[in-house]
Amino acid sequence: MNTVYGLHLSDELEKRMLRCRAPVRDAIRGRLREIATGAAKGPQRVKAAAVKVPPLRFYVYEGFRIAYRLDAESRRVVVLDIERLPVD
C-alpha cells in the first residue's frame, strides 16, 4: 500500500522562497512533488539512518541548493534549507 508523502517548510523558509522569482519557486515545488511521489512509491521498509549522514539535496537553475530529508514516520518531505549559491 502506498502512502502519500506531504511537504513541510518552516515559516522562515517559506518567506525565503517568496523572495525567489516565480519560475524558481515553481521549479523547487515541482521537484519536491516529484520527491514526495517517489518516496510514496518506494519500499515501505525504512532503514535507520546513520547519525552523521548529510541531508539529501537537489539543485535548481540559477544557483539554488535545496536540502531536505524524508521523514518516514510522519510521511513528509521536510525542507531543511534553501540556499542561493554564490555566483563567480
N, C-alpha and C. Protein backbone atom coordinates (compact mmCIF):
# COMPACT_ATOMS: atom_id res chain seq x y z
N MET A 1 0.84 -1.17 0.00
CA MET A 1 0.00 0.00 0.00
C MET A 1 0.90 1.25 0.00
N ASN A 2 0.65 2.16 -0.91
CA ASN A 2 1.42 3.40 -1.00
C ASN A 2 0.77 4.47 -0.14
N THR A 3 1.58 5.15 0.62
CA THR A 3 1.10 6.23 1.47
C THR A 3 1.61 7.54 0.89
N VAL A 4 0.76 8.51 0.83
CA VAL A 4 1.13 9.81 0.28
C VAL A 4 2.06 10.54 1.23
N TYR A 5 3.09 11.14 0.68
CA TYR A 5 4.00 11.97 1.46
C TYR A 5 3.57 13.42 1.30
N GLY A 6 3.60 14.17 2.40
CA GLY A 6 3.29 15.59 2.37
C GLY A 6 4.58 16.39 2.30
N LEU A 7 4.45 17.69 2.39
CA LEU A 7 5.59 18.59 2.32
C LEU A 7 5.57 19.50 3.54
N HIS A 8 6.75 19.72 4.12
CA HIS A 8 6.84 20.61 5.27
C HIS A 8 7.94 21.64 5.04
N LEU A 9 7.56 22.92 5.08
CA LEU A 9 8.50 24.04 5.04
C LEU A 9 8.24 24.90 6.26
N SER A 10 9.31 25.31 6.93
CA SER A 10 9.13 26.20 8.07
C SER A 10 8.68 27.57 7.55
N ASP A 11 8.16 28.39 8.46
CA ASP A 11 7.71 29.73 8.07
C ASP A 11 8.87 30.56 7.52
N GLU A 12 10.05 30.40 8.11
CA GLU A 12 11.21 31.15 7.66
C GLU A 12 11.62 30.75 6.25
N LEU A 13 11.58 29.45 5.95
CA LEU A 13 11.91 29.00 4.60
C LEU A 13 10.84 29.42 3.59
N GLU A 14 9.61 29.44 4.02
CA GLU A 14 8.52 29.89 3.15
C GLU A 14 8.75 31.36 2.77
N LYS A 15 9.17 32.18 3.71
CA LYS A 15 9.47 33.59 3.43
C LYS A 15 10.64 33.72 2.46
N ARG A 16 11.66 32.88 2.66
CA ARG A 16 12.82 32.91 1.76
C ARG A 16 12.42 32.53 0.33
N MET A 17 11.51 31.57 0.23
CA MET A 17 11.06 31.16 -1.10
C MET A 17 10.29 32.28 -1.79
N LEU A 18 9.55 33.06 -1.01
CA LEU A 18 8.78 34.16 -1.60
C LEU A 18 9.69 35.22 -2.21
N ARG A 19 10.93 35.29 -1.78
CA ARG A 19 11.88 36.25 -2.35
C ARG A 19 12.42 35.79 -3.70
N CYS A 20 12.24 34.51 -4.00
CA CYS A 20 12.70 33.97 -5.29
C CYS A 20 11.71 34.33 -6.39
N ARG A 21 12.20 34.35 -7.61
CA ARG A 21 11.32 34.61 -8.74
C ARG A 21 10.36 33.43 -8.90
N ALA A 22 9.21 33.69 -9.51
CA ALA A 22 8.15 32.68 -9.67
C ALA A 22 8.65 31.41 -10.36
N PRO A 23 9.43 31.49 -11.46
CA PRO A 23 9.90 30.24 -12.09
C PRO A 23 10.77 29.40 -11.17
N VAL A 24 11.55 30.06 -10.32
CA VAL A 24 12.41 29.32 -9.38
C VAL A 24 11.53 28.63 -8.33
N ARG A 25 10.55 29.34 -7.80
CA ARG A 25 9.63 28.73 -6.83
C ARG A 25 8.90 27.55 -7.44
N ASP A 26 8.44 27.70 -8.68
CA ASP A 26 7.73 26.61 -9.36
C ASP A 26 8.65 25.40 -9.55
N ALA A 27 9.90 25.65 -9.92
CA ALA A 27 10.85 24.55 -10.12
C ALA A 27 11.12 23.82 -8.81
N ILE A 28 11.27 24.57 -7.73
CA ILE A 28 11.51 23.96 -6.41
C ILE A 28 10.31 23.12 -5.99
N ARG A 29 9.12 23.69 -6.07
CA ARG A 29 7.92 22.96 -5.66
C ARG A 29 7.68 21.74 -6.56
N GLY A 30 7.95 21.87 -7.85
CA GLY A 30 7.79 20.73 -8.76
C GLY A 30 8.72 19.59 -8.40
N ARG A 31 9.98 19.91 -8.12
CA ARG A 31 10.94 18.86 -7.75
C ARG A 31 10.57 18.22 -6.42
N LEU A 32 10.08 19.03 -5.46
CA LEU A 32 9.67 18.47 -4.17
C LEU A 32 8.46 17.55 -4.35
N ARG A 33 7.55 17.89 -5.25
CA ARG A 33 6.41 16.99 -5.53
C ARG A 33 6.89 15.67 -6.11
N GLU A 34 7.88 15.73 -7.02
CA GLU A 34 8.45 14.51 -7.60
C GLU A 34 9.09 13.64 -6.51
N ILE A 35 9.79 14.28 -5.59
CA ILE A 35 10.44 13.54 -4.49
C ILE A 35 9.38 12.88 -3.61
N ALA A 36 8.33 13.61 -3.27
CA ALA A 36 7.26 13.06 -2.43
C ALA A 36 6.58 11.90 -3.12
N THR A 37 6.32 12.01 -4.42
CA THR A 37 5.69 10.93 -5.18
C THR A 37 6.60 9.71 -5.21
N GLY A 38 7.89 9.93 -5.45
CA GLY A 38 8.85 8.83 -5.48
C GLY A 38 8.99 8.14 -4.13
N ALA A 39 8.95 8.93 -3.06
CA ALA A 39 9.06 8.35 -1.72
C ALA A 39 7.84 7.49 -1.40
N ALA A 40 6.68 7.92 -1.86
CA ALA A 40 5.46 7.14 -1.60
C ALA A 40 5.45 5.84 -2.39
N LYS A 41 6.08 5.83 -3.55
CA LYS A 41 6.10 4.63 -4.39
C LYS A 41 7.21 3.67 -3.98
N GLY A 42 8.18 4.18 -3.21
CA GLY A 42 9.32 3.37 -2.82
C GLY A 42 8.95 2.31 -1.80
N PRO A 43 9.91 1.49 -1.45
CA PRO A 43 9.66 0.44 -0.46
C PRO A 43 9.25 1.05 0.88
N GLN A 44 8.33 0.43 1.55
CA GLN A 44 7.83 0.94 2.82
C GLN A 44 8.73 0.55 3.99
N ARG A 45 9.71 -0.28 3.72
CA ARG A 45 10.68 -0.65 4.74
C ARG A 45 11.62 0.53 4.96
N VAL A 46 11.84 0.91 6.19
CA VAL A 46 12.67 2.08 6.49
C VAL A 46 13.88 1.63 7.28
N LYS A 47 15.05 1.99 6.78
CA LYS A 47 16.29 1.69 7.49
C LYS A 47 16.61 2.87 8.40
N ALA A 48 17.23 2.57 9.51
CA ALA A 48 17.66 3.65 10.42
C ALA A 48 18.84 4.36 9.78
N ALA A 49 18.76 5.67 9.69
CA ALA A 49 19.83 6.46 9.08
C ALA A 49 20.97 6.66 10.07
N ALA A 50 22.17 6.72 9.55
CA ALA A 50 23.33 7.00 10.39
C ALA A 50 23.22 8.42 10.92
N VAL A 51 23.80 8.65 12.07
CA VAL A 51 23.65 9.94 12.74
C VAL A 51 24.28 11.08 11.94
N LYS A 52 25.42 10.87 11.33
CA LYS A 52 26.15 11.95 10.67
C LYS A 52 25.98 11.95 9.16
N VAL A 53 24.90 11.43 8.66
CA VAL A 53 24.66 11.43 7.22
C VAL A 53 24.18 12.83 6.82
N PRO A 54 24.79 13.41 5.78
CA PRO A 54 24.35 14.74 5.36
C PRO A 54 22.94 14.67 4.77
N PRO A 55 22.21 15.78 4.81
CA PRO A 55 20.85 15.77 4.25
C PRO A 55 20.89 15.58 2.74
N LEU A 56 19.80 15.09 2.20
CA LEU A 56 19.68 14.97 0.76
C LEU A 56 19.55 16.37 0.19
N ARG A 57 19.87 16.53 -1.09
CA ARG A 57 19.76 17.86 -1.69
C ARG A 57 19.58 17.75 -3.19
N PHE A 58 19.07 18.83 -3.75
CA PHE A 58 18.99 18.96 -5.20
C PHE A 58 19.24 20.41 -5.54
N TYR A 59 19.50 20.64 -6.82
CA TYR A 59 19.83 21.99 -7.28
C TYR A 59 18.80 22.43 -8.30
N VAL A 60 18.49 23.72 -8.27
CA VAL A 60 17.57 24.32 -9.22
C VAL A 60 18.36 25.38 -9.98
N TYR A 61 18.04 25.54 -11.25
CA TYR A 61 18.77 26.52 -12.06
C TYR A 61 18.86 27.86 -11.35
N GLU A 62 19.77 28.68 -11.77
CA GLU A 62 20.07 29.97 -11.17
C GLU A 62 20.78 29.84 -9.83
N GLY A 63 21.32 28.65 -9.56
CA GLY A 63 22.18 28.51 -8.40
C GLY A 63 21.52 28.34 -7.04
N PHE A 64 20.43 27.62 -6.96
CA PHE A 64 19.79 27.36 -5.67
C PHE A 64 20.01 25.92 -5.27
N ARG A 65 20.39 25.72 -4.01
CA ARG A 65 20.55 24.37 -3.45
C ARG A 65 19.48 24.20 -2.38
N ILE A 66 18.74 23.10 -2.46
CA ILE A 66 17.67 22.80 -1.52
C ILE A 66 18.06 21.53 -0.78
N ALA A 67 18.16 21.62 0.54
CA ALA A 67 18.47 20.47 1.38
C ALA A 67 17.17 19.98 2.01
N TYR A 68 16.99 18.67 2.03
CA TYR A 68 15.76 18.10 2.56
C TYR A 68 16.04 16.74 3.17
N ARG A 69 15.05 16.22 3.87
CA ARG A 69 15.12 14.84 4.36
C ARG A 69 13.73 14.23 4.24
N LEU A 70 13.70 12.94 4.17
CA LEU A 70 12.44 12.21 4.14
C LEU A 70 12.15 11.71 5.55
N ASP A 71 11.03 12.12 6.09
CA ASP A 71 10.62 11.69 7.42
C ASP A 71 9.58 10.58 7.24
N ALA A 72 10.03 9.33 7.34
CA ALA A 72 9.14 8.20 7.11
C ALA A 72 8.08 8.07 8.19
N GLU A 73 8.40 8.51 9.39
CA GLU A 73 7.45 8.40 10.49
C GLU A 73 6.22 9.28 10.27
N SER A 74 6.44 10.53 9.88
CA SER A 74 5.32 11.44 9.64
C SER A 74 4.93 11.50 8.18
N ARG A 75 5.64 10.76 7.32
CA ARG A 75 5.35 10.71 5.88
C ARG A 75 5.41 12.11 5.27
N ARG A 76 6.55 12.81 5.49
CA ARG A 76 6.71 14.14 4.95
C ARG A 76 8.10 14.31 4.34
N VAL A 77 8.15 15.17 3.35
CA VAL A 77 9.42 15.67 2.83
C VAL A 77 9.66 16.97 3.59
N VAL A 78 10.71 17.01 4.40
CA VAL A 78 10.99 18.17 5.24
C VAL A 78 12.12 18.96 4.59
N VAL A 79 11.82 20.20 4.21
CA VAL A 79 12.84 21.07 3.62
C VAL A 79 13.64 21.68 4.75
N LEU A 80 14.96 21.48 4.72
CA LEU A 80 15.83 21.95 5.79
C LEU A 80 16.43 23.32 5.47
N ASP A 81 16.75 23.56 4.18
CA ASP A 81 17.38 24.82 3.82
C ASP A 81 17.21 25.09 2.33
N ILE A 82 17.04 26.36 2.02
CA ILE A 82 17.03 26.84 0.64
C ILE A 82 18.13 27.88 0.59
N GLU A 83 19.15 27.60 -0.21
CA GLU A 83 20.33 28.46 -0.21
C GLU A 83 20.67 28.89 -1.62
N ARG A 84 20.92 30.17 -1.80
CA ARG A 84 21.40 30.66 -3.10
C ARG A 84 22.91 30.55 -3.10
N LEU A 85 23.45 29.87 -4.08
CA LEU A 85 24.87 29.67 -4.17
C LEU A 85 25.56 30.90 -4.76
N PRO A 86 26.76 31.21 -4.29
CA PRO A 86 27.47 32.37 -4.83
C PRO A 86 27.81 32.15 -6.31
N VAL A 87 27.68 33.22 -7.06
CA VAL A 87 28.00 33.17 -8.48
C VAL A 87 29.37 33.79 -8.68
N ASP A 88 30.24 33.09 -9.40
CA ASP A 88 31.60 33.61 -9.61
C ASP A 88 31.62 34.68 -10.65
